[in-house]
Every structure is written in structure tokens, then in C-alpha cells.
Amino acid sequence: MNPLSRTIAVLGLLIGLGATSLIAGPMQGPAIKYSIYDRDPDTGNGPIEFLSAGETYRSDFNLLEKGFNPLTMKITAARVTFAFADDNGDKRDEYATVYLGTEIMLENQEVNGNHNNAPLNYDYYYKEWSITNSSDLNFLTSLQSGILNYKVLSTAPSGHKRGDFYLKIAQLEIDTECIVKAAESGSTALLLGLSFVGMFWQSYRRRKWLAA
């Protein structure tokens, strides 16, 4: 292969790599784990609200205020935790129903727990989601907005009377990947290849002109 053919082949490879990168689009960078959570109350010692029989408490988790950026971070796992304590004021059993958005997390779940040695003796319930489970993807996608509404209701299964209790802690935790867009690597390779072509062509024409 003569020098001209070899040079053209190398330039063609550079341009080809650049074009391929452009077609493939942005690439995901290395995974960076973040520890982001929104907890109410911040002290983790409660109470948030005392729910009397039949009462409902509404609030939301706001990850945007805790450093989450939906444009640069992708949520890969999440965990929601609620803690309760019985007021011990009556002989009724206490039951809670918890909604995350429109999804039921707990339904007529009997709750106990007490105030002694708080928060160790609270009654804790949690649920986890992971991007590795296909059934969890819809929830994680909806959570990508950074806002999750929730509500806690004092309910009871059929045949039971509603009781009252303390909602002590509500917490949302997430793991994320940092999505890094390639710094236009395809465009850079393409422009570099075109520059080499231009330089080679100018040099070739100059040699032809001097030889004439």
C-alpha cells in the first residue's frame, strides 16, 4: 500500500469512528452513587402527626430540596419507611393505610410501637424498589420527578373499630447514577478527521504544483 492509500485509509477510519459515535448518541458515564434522602421530621424522632380515628394526613417527599437533580441523576433504587407509635389511650387496635401517590404501600396494617426509648421502639414498615426488578420500573420512573406525594390514613379492616396513633417518621431514600453525556466525542473525531483530510489535500496540491 502506497503512502497516499495508507493515509486515506487512516483518515477514513477516523471519520468512520466519528460518524458511528454521532449515530450512537450520548453515552452513560460511570455510575456514581449518591446518598440522598428526605425525612420528616429531620430529627428522626417524631411525631409528625397524631391521627385520630378516621383521620388522614397528607404530605410529600421533595428530593429536589435535598440535592437531587433529575437532569443529571437517574434513580436506580428507592426505599420508603414509615414509623408509628400507639398512644395507649384506648383498648382498640390501630390500623394504618399508606398511599404513595396512587399506589398502596400498606393497607389496614396493624401498628403498635411506643414512645419509650424513641426511636428504637417505634413500629417500622418499609418497602424497597430497584431498577433490577422490572416490576419496579414504573414507580422509579414516576419518582424521577423528585416529588412523591403520600398520605397516611387511620383505617380498620371489616369488623374492627378505627383507632388512633402517632405517625412518627416518614422517610424516602434513593440511590442514583450520575448520567454523564459524552463531550461530543463523535463530533470531535469527525472534525479531526476532516481537518486531516484538508491538510493532506493542501499538501498534495502544493507538491503537485512544485513538481509542475
C-alpha atoms as a PDB file:
ATOM      1  CA  MET A   1       0.000   0.000   0.000  1.00  0.00           C
ATOM      2  CA  ASN A   2       1.496   3.327  -1.071  1.00  0.00           C
ATOM      3  CA  PRO A   3       1.652   6.308   1.366  1.00  0.00           C
ATOM      4  CA  LEU A   4      -1.337   8.019  -0.238  1.00  0.00           C
ATOM      5  CA  SER A   5      -3.582   4.962   0.106  1.00  0.00           C
ATOM      6  CA  ARG A   6      -2.420   4.347   3.668  1.00  0.00           C
ATOM      7  CA  THR A   7      -3.172   7.945   4.668  1.00  0.00           C
ATOM      8  CA  ILE A   8      -6.619   7.856   3.083  1.00  0.00           C
ATOM      9  CA  ALA A   9      -7.395   4.577   4.888  1.00  0.00           C
ATOM     10  CA  VAL A  10      -6.423   6.022   8.284  1.00  0.00           C
ATOM     11  CA  LEU A  11      -8.476   9.149   7.662  1.00  0.00           C
ATOM     12  CA  GLY A  12     -11.427   7.041   6.620  1.00  0.00           C
ATOM     13  CA  LEU A  13     -11.189   5.103   9.892  1.00  0.00           C
ATOM     14  CA  LEU A  14     -11.181   8.331  11.939  1.00  0.00           C
ATOM     15  CA  ILE A  15     -14.196   9.695  10.088  1.00  0.00           C
ATOM     16  CA  GLY A  16     -15.990   6.380  10.430  1.00  0.00           C
ATOM     17  CA  LEU A  17     -15.452   6.347  14.181  1.00  0.00           C
ATOM     18  CA  GLY A  18     -16.738   9.880  14.447  1.00  0.00           C
ATOM     19  CA  ALA A  19     -19.852   9.101  12.422  1.00  0.00           C
ATOM     20  CA  THR A  20     -20.549   5.969  14.496  1.00  0.00           C
ATOM     21  CA  SER A  21     -20.323   7.919  17.767  1.00  0.00           C
ATOM     22  CA  LEU A  22     -22.729  10.530  16.467  1.00  0.00           C
ATOM     23  CA  ILE A  23     -25.291   7.922  15.448  1.00  0.00           C
ATOM     24  CA  ALA A  24     -24.988   6.090  18.780  1.00  0.00           C
ATOM     25  CA  GLY A  25     -25.712   9.305  20.676  1.00  0.00           C
ATOM     26  CA  PRO A  26     -24.684  10.241  24.220  1.00  0.00           C
ATOM     27  CA  MET A  27     -23.150   7.506  26.339  1.00  0.00           C
ATOM     28  CA  GLN A  28     -23.775   6.904  30.025  1.00  0.00           C
ATOM     29  CA  GLY A  29     -20.748   7.640  32.157  1.00  0.00           C
ATOM     30  CA  PRO A  30     -19.522   5.651  35.150  1.00  0.00           C
ATOM     31  CA  ALA A  31     -22.042   5.055  37.909  1.00  0.00           C
ATOM     32  CA  ILE A  32     -21.669   7.381  40.876  1.00  0.00           C
ATOM     33  CA  LYS A  33     -23.651   6.506  43.996  1.00  0.00           C
ATOM     34  CA  TYR A  34     -25.385   9.225  45.968  1.00  0.00           C
ATOM     35  CA  SER A  35     -26.961   9.021  49.397  1.00  0.00           C
ATOM     36  CA  ILE A  36     -29.978  11.289  49.172  1.00  0.00           C
ATOM     37  CA  TYR A  37     -32.943  11.204  51.498  1.00  0.00           C
ATOM     38  CA  ASP A  38     -35.862  13.303  52.639  1.00  0.00           C
ATOM     39  CA  ARG A  39     -37.070  12.614  56.160  1.00  0.00           C
ATOM     40  CA  ASP A  40     -39.907  14.131  58.129  1.00  0.00           C
ATOM     41  CA  PRO A  41     -39.161  15.240  60.769  1.00  0.00           C
ATOM     42  CA  ASP A  42     -35.474  15.978  60.207  1.00  0.00           C
ATOM     43  CA  THR A  43     -34.652  14.867  63.758  1.00  0.00           C
ATOM     44  CA  GLY A  44     -35.960  11.357  63.045  1.00  0.00           C
ATOM     45  CA  ASN A  45     -37.656  11.343  66.437  1.00  0.00           C
ATOM     46  CA  GLY A  46     -41.199  12.459  65.589  1.00  0.00           C
ATOM     47  CA  PRO A  47     -44.017  12.808  65.942  1.00  0.00           C
ATOM     48  CA  ILE A  48     -45.173  14.155  62.620  1.00  0.00           C
ATOM     49  CA  GLU A  49     -48.892  13.893  63.334  1.00  0.00           C
ATOM     50  CA  PHE A  50     -51.358  12.338  65.735  1.00  0.00           C
ATOM     51  CA  LEU A  51     -54.094  10.630  63.720  1.00  0.00           C
ATOM     52  CA  SER A  52     -57.403  10.193  65.447  1.00  0.00           C
ATOM     53  CA  ALA A  53     -59.858   7.522  64.292  1.00  0.00           C
ATOM     54  CA  GLY A  54     -60.680   8.044  60.613  1.00  0.00           C
ATOM     55  CA  GLU A  55     -58.234  10.929  60.127  1.00  0.00           C
ATOM     56  CA  THR A  56     -55.924  11.368  57.121  1.00  0.00           C
ATOM     57  CA  TYR A  57     -52.509  13.042  56.982  1.00  0.00           C
ATOM     58  CA  ARG A  58     -51.122  14.263  53.632  1.00  0.00           C
ATOM     59  CA  SER A  59     -47.635  15.441  52.756  1.00  0.00           C
ATOM     60  CA  ASP A  60     -44.872  14.853  50.229  1.00  0.00           C
ATOM     61  CA  PHE A  61     -41.211  13.977  49.887  1.00  0.00           C
ATOM     62  CA  ASN A  62     -39.196  16.586  47.996  1.00  0.00           C
ATOM     63  CA  LEU A  63     -35.852  15.256  46.770  1.00  0.00           C
ATOM     64  CA  LEU A  64     -35.205  18.424  44.776  1.00  0.00           C
ATOM     65  CA  GLU A  65     -34.596  20.271  48.036  1.00  0.00           C
ATOM     66  CA  LYS A  66     -32.115  17.589  49.131  1.00  0.00           C
ATOM     67  CA  GLY A  67     -29.708  17.806  46.194  1.00  0.00           C
ATOM     68  CA  PHE A  68     -31.400  15.554  43.645  1.00  0.00           C
ATOM     69  CA  ASN A  69     -31.161  16.817  40.051  1.00  0.00           C
ATOM     70  CA  PRO A  70     -33.408  14.861  37.635  1.00  0.00           C
ATOM     71  CA  LEU A  71     -31.431  16.199  34.646  1.00  0.00           C
ATOM     72  CA  THR A  72     -28.126  14.664  35.720  1.00  0.00           C
ATOM     73  CA  MET A  73     -29.131  11.874  38.118  1.00  0.00           C
ATOM     74  CA  LYS A  74     -31.069   8.697  37.389  1.00  0.00           C
ATOM     75  CA  ILE A  75     -32.773   6.964  40.312  1.00  0.00           C
ATOM     76  CA  THR A  76     -31.773   3.289  40.449  1.00  0.00           C
ATOM     77  CA  ALA A  77     -33.200   2.275  43.829  1.00  0.00           C
ATOM     78  CA  ALA A  78     -35.542   3.663  46.457  1.00  0.00           C
ATOM     79  CA  ARG A  79     -36.710   2.826  49.937  1.00  0.00           C
ATOM     80  CA  VAL A  80     -39.691   4.329  51.785  1.00  0.00           C
ATOM     81  CA  THR A  81     -40.038   3.932  55.555  1.00  0.00           C
ATOM     82  CA  PHE A  82     -42.860   4.840  57.936  1.00  0.00           C
ATOM     83  CA  ALA A  83     -42.742   4.560  61.723  1.00  0.00           C
ATOM     84  CA  PHE A  84     -45.680   4.548  64.132  1.00  0.00           C
ATOM     85  CA  ALA A  85     -46.376   4.520  67.840  1.00  0.00           C
ATOM     86  CA  ASP A  86     -49.506   3.633  69.800  1.00  0.00           C
ATOM     87  CA  ASP A  87     -50.827   6.288  72.150  1.00  0.00           C
ATOM     88  CA  ASN A  88     -52.053   3.557  74.553  1.00  0.00           C
ATOM     89  CA  GLY A  89     -55.111   5.687  75.190  1.00  0.00           C
ATOM     90  CA  ASP A  90     -57.742   3.041  74.425  1.00  0.00           C
ATOM     91  CA  LYS A  91     -58.192  -0.694  74.011  1.00  0.00           C
ATOM     92  CA  ARG A  92     -58.648  -0.565  70.251  1.00  0.00           C
ATOM     93  CA  ASP A  93     -56.193  -1.958  67.739  1.00  0.00           C
ATOM     94  CA  GLU A  94     -54.689   0.668  65.449  1.00  0.00           C
ATOM     95  CA  TYR A  95     -54.541   0.173  61.695  1.00  0.00           C
ATOM     96  CA  ALA A  96     -52.871   2.320  59.064  1.00  0.00           C
ATOM     97  CA  THR A  97     -53.240   2.563  55.314  1.00  0.00           C
ATOM     98  CA  VAL A  98     -50.454   4.342  53.435  1.00  0.00           C
ATOM     99  CA  TYR A  99     -50.578   5.627  49.860  1.00  0.00           C
ATOM    100  CA  LEU A 100     -47.540   6.624  47.805  1.00  0.00           C
ATOM    101  CA  GLY A 101     -49.113   8.691  45.068  1.00  0.00           C
ATOM    102  CA  THR A 102     -51.944   6.419  43.973  1.00  0.00           C
ATOM    103  CA  GLU A 103     -50.144   3.215  44.957  1.00  0.00           C
ATOM    104  CA  ILE A 104     -50.984   1.474  48.227  1.00  0.00           C
ATOM    105  CA  MET A 105     -47.911   0.686  50.312  1.00  0.00           C
ATOM    106  CA  LEU A 106     -49.745  -0.532  53.424  1.00  0.00           C
ATOM    107  CA  GLU A 107     -53.402  -1.476  53.711  1.00  0.00           C
ATOM    108  CA  ASN A 108     -55.092  -1.883  57.099  1.00  0.00           C
ATOM    109  CA  GLN A 109     -51.718  -2.687  58.641  1.00  0.00           C
ATOM    110  CA  GLU A 110     -51.889  -3.082  62.405  1.00  0.00           C
ATOM    111  CA  VAL A 111     -49.420  -0.724  64.042  1.00  0.00           C
ATOM    112  CA  ASN A 112     -48.032  -0.722  67.548  1.00  0.00           C
ATOM    113  CA  GLY A 113     -44.781   0.724  68.803  1.00  0.00           C
ATOM    114  CA  ASN A 114     -44.350   3.006  71.790  1.00  0.00           C
ATOM    115  CA  HIS A 115     -42.666   6.225  72.830  1.00  0.00           C
ATOM    116  CA  ASN A 116     -40.201   4.651  75.253  1.00  0.00           C
ATOM    117  CA  ASN A 117     -36.567   4.726  74.144  1.00  0.00           C
ATOM    118  CA  ALA A 118     -37.568   6.552  70.956  1.00  0.00           C
ATOM    119  CA  PRO A 119     -36.993   5.984  68.112  1.00  0.00           C
ATOM    120  CA  LEU A 120     -35.851   2.388  68.695  1.00  0.00           C
ATOM    121  CA  ASN A 121     -39.248   1.178  69.899  1.00  0.00           C
ATOM    122  CA  TYR A 122     -41.304   2.639  67.071  1.00  0.00           C
ATOM    123  CA  ASP A 123     -43.157   0.250  64.771  1.00  0.00           C
ATOM    124  CA  TYR A 124     -41.355   0.425  61.396  1.00  0.00           C
ATOM    125  CA  TYR A 125     -42.598  -0.565  57.941  1.00  0.00           C
ATOM    126  CA  TYR A 126     -40.686  -0.121  54.717  1.00  0.00           C
ATOM    127  CA  LYS A 127     -40.726  -1.005  51.042  1.00  0.00           C
ATOM    128  CA  GLU A 128     -37.893  -1.091  48.519  1.00  0.00           C
ATOM    129  CA  TRP A 129     -37.657  -0.717  44.727  1.00  0.00           C
ATOM    130  CA  SER A 130     -34.738  -1.463  42.438  1.00  0.00           C
ATOM    131  CA  ILE A 131     -34.028  -0.862  38.769  1.00  0.00           C
ATOM    132  CA  THR A 132     -33.012  -4.527  38.526  1.00  0.00           C
ATOM    133  CA  ASN A 133     -36.662  -5.550  39.049  1.00  0.00           C
ATOM    134  CA  SER A 134     -38.838  -4.908  36.006  1.00  0.00           C
ATOM    135  CA  SER A 135     -41.949  -4.571  38.174  1.00  0.00           C
ATOM    136  CA  ASP A 136     -40.346  -1.610  39.976  1.00  0.00           C
ATOM    137  CA  LEU A 137     -39.526   0.451  36.882  1.00  0.00           C
ATOM    138  CA  ASN A 138     -42.839   2.330  36.689  1.00  0.00           C
ATOM    139  CA  PHE A 139     -42.523   3.554  40.256  1.00  0.00           C
ATOM    140  CA  LEU A 140     -38.886   4.589  39.834  1.00  0.00           C
ATOM    141  CA  THR A 141     -39.750   6.398  36.611  1.00  0.00           C
ATOM    142  CA  SER A 142     -42.522   8.359  38.338  1.00  0.00           C
ATOM    143  CA  LEU A 143     -40.132   9.163  41.191  1.00  0.00           C
ATOM    144  CA  GLN A 144     -37.690  10.708  38.720  1.00  0.00           C
ATOM    145  CA  SER A 145     -39.614  13.981  39.046  1.00  0.00           C
ATOM    146  CA  GLY A 146     -38.152  14.313  42.545  1.00  0.00           C
ATOM    147  CA  ILE A 147     -41.548  14.706  44.213  1.00  0.00           C
ATOM    148  CA  LEU A 148     -43.549  11.916  45.854  1.00  0.00           C
ATOM    149  CA  ASN A 149     -46.916  12.616  47.473  1.00  0.00           C
ATOM    150  CA  TYR A 150     -48.036  10.380  50.298  1.00  0.00           C
ATOM    151  CA  LYS A 151     -50.917  10.078  52.719  1.00  0.00           C
ATOM    152  CA  VAL A 152     -51.491   8.091  55.876  1.00  0.00           C
ATOM    153  CA  LEU A 153     -54.989   7.115  56.987  1.00  0.00           C
ATOM    154  CA  SER A 154     -56.342   5.715  60.226  1.00  0.00           C
ATOM    155  CA  THR A 155     -58.380   2.772  58.917  1.00  0.00           C
ATOM    156  CA  ALA A 156     -59.528  -0.651  60.056  1.00  0.00           C
ATOM    157  CA  PRO A 157     -60.477  -3.942  58.400  1.00  0.00           C
ATOM    158  CA  SER A 158     -64.087  -5.015  58.350  1.00  0.00           C
ATOM    159  CA  GLY A 159     -65.438  -5.769  61.790  1.00  0.00           C
ATOM    160  CA  HIS A 160     -62.885  -3.602  63.623  1.00  0.00           C
ATOM    161  CA  LYS A 161     -63.158  -0.090  65.017  1.00  0.00           C
ATOM    162  CA  ARG A 162     -60.712   2.565  63.933  1.00  0.00           C
ATOM    163  CA  GLY A 163     -58.117   3.552  66.478  1.00  0.00           C
ATOM    164  CA  ASP A 164     -55.725   6.466  66.870  1.00  0.00           C
ATOM    165  CA  PHE A 165     -51.934   6.506  66.711  1.00  0.00           C
ATOM    166  CA  TYR A 166     -48.874   8.656  66.098  1.00  0.00           C
ATOM    167  CA  LEU A 167     -47.196   8.877  62.737  1.00  0.00           C
ATOM    168  CA  LYS A 168     -43.619   9.296  63.927  1.00  0.00           C
ATOM    169  CA  ILE A 169     -41.341   9.181  60.874  1.00  0.00           C
ATOM    170  CA  ALA A 170     -41.728   9.266  57.091  1.00  0.00           C
ATOM    171  CA  GLN A 171     -38.590   8.835  55.028  1.00  0.00           C
ATOM    172  CA  LEU A 172     -37.637   8.386  51.372  1.00  0.00           C
ATOM    173  CA  GLU A 173     -34.111   7.279  50.416  1.00  0.00           C
ATOM    174  CA  ILE A 174     -32.694   6.897  46.908  1.00  0.00           C
ATOM    175  CA  ASP A 175     -29.595   5.654  45.122  1.00  0.00           C
ATOM    176  CA  THR A 176     -28.715   7.294  41.823  1.00  0.00           C
ATOM    177  CA  GLU A 177     -26.434   7.056  38.842  1.00  0.00           C
ATOM    178  CA  CYS A 178     -24.820  10.207  37.533  1.00  0.00           C
ATOM    179  CA  ILE A 179     -25.577  10.325  33.815  1.00  0.00           C
ATOM    180  CA  VAL A 180     -22.646  11.943  32.011  1.00  0.00           C
ATOM    181  CA  LYS A 181     -23.096  12.862  28.389  1.00  0.00           C
ATOM    182  CA  ALA A 182     -20.019  12.255  26.281  1.00  0.00           C
ATOM    183  CA  ALA A 183     -18.489  15.610  25.472  1.00  0.00           C
ATOM    184  CA  GLU A 184     -19.439  15.363  21.815  1.00  0.00           C
ATOM    185  CA  SER A 185     -16.706  12.761  21.265  1.00  0.00           C
ATOM    186  CA  GLY A 186     -18.242  11.824  17.925  1.00  0.00           C
ATOM    187  CA  SER A 187     -18.173  15.392  16.645  1.00  0.00           C
ATOM    188  CA  THR A 188     -14.581  15.818  17.815  1.00  0.00           C
ATOM    189  CA  ALA A 189     -13.407  12.721  15.976  1.00  0.00           C
ATOM    190  CA  LEU A 190     -15.277  13.731  12.845  1.00  0.00           C
ATOM    191  CA  LEU A 191     -13.841  17.246  12.810  1.00  0.00           C
ATOM    192  CA  LEU A 192     -10.364  15.885  13.457  1.00  0.00           C
ATOM    193  CA  GLY A 193     -10.686  13.545  10.527  1.00  0.00           C
ATOM    194  CA  LEU A 194     -11.900  16.294   8.213  1.00  0.00           C
ATOM    195  CA  SER A 195      -9.029  18.526   9.326  1.00  0.00           C
ATOM    196  CA  PHE A 196      -6.519  15.823   8.421  1.00  0.00           C
ATOM    197  CA  VAL A 197      -8.169  15.419   5.035  1.00  0.00           C
ATOM    198  CA  GLY A 198      -7.903  19.160   4.388  1.00  0.00           C
ATOM    199  CA  MET A 199      -4.281  19.308   5.481  1.00  0.00           C
ATOM    200  CA  PHE A 200      -3.358  16.310   3.354  1.00  0.00           C
ATOM    201  CA  TRP A 201      -5.147  17.729   0.296  1.00  0.00           C
ATOM    202  CA  GLN A 202      -3.407  21.084   0.614  1.00  0.00           C
ATOM    203  CA  SER A 203      -0.034  19.358   0.966  1.00  0.00           C
ATOM    204  CA  TYR A 204      -0.746  17.110  -2.020  1.00  0.00           C
ATOM    205  CA  ARG A 205      -1.732  20.070  -4.219  1.00  0.00           C
ATOM    206  CA  ARG A 206       1.385  22.000  -3.173  1.00  0.00           C
ATOM    207  CA  ARG A 207       3.653  19.077  -4.092  1.00  0.00           C
ATOM    208  CA  LYS A 208       1.909  18.771  -7.453  1.00  0.00           C
ATOM    209  CA  TRP A 209       2.360  22.497  -8.073  1.00  0.00           C
ATOM    210  CA  LEU A 210       6.077  22.423  -7.193  1.00  0.00           C
ATOM    211  CA  ALA A 211       6.654  19.407  -9.416  1.00  0.00           C
ATOM    212  CA  ALA A 212       4.965  21.101 -12.387  1.00  0.00           C
END
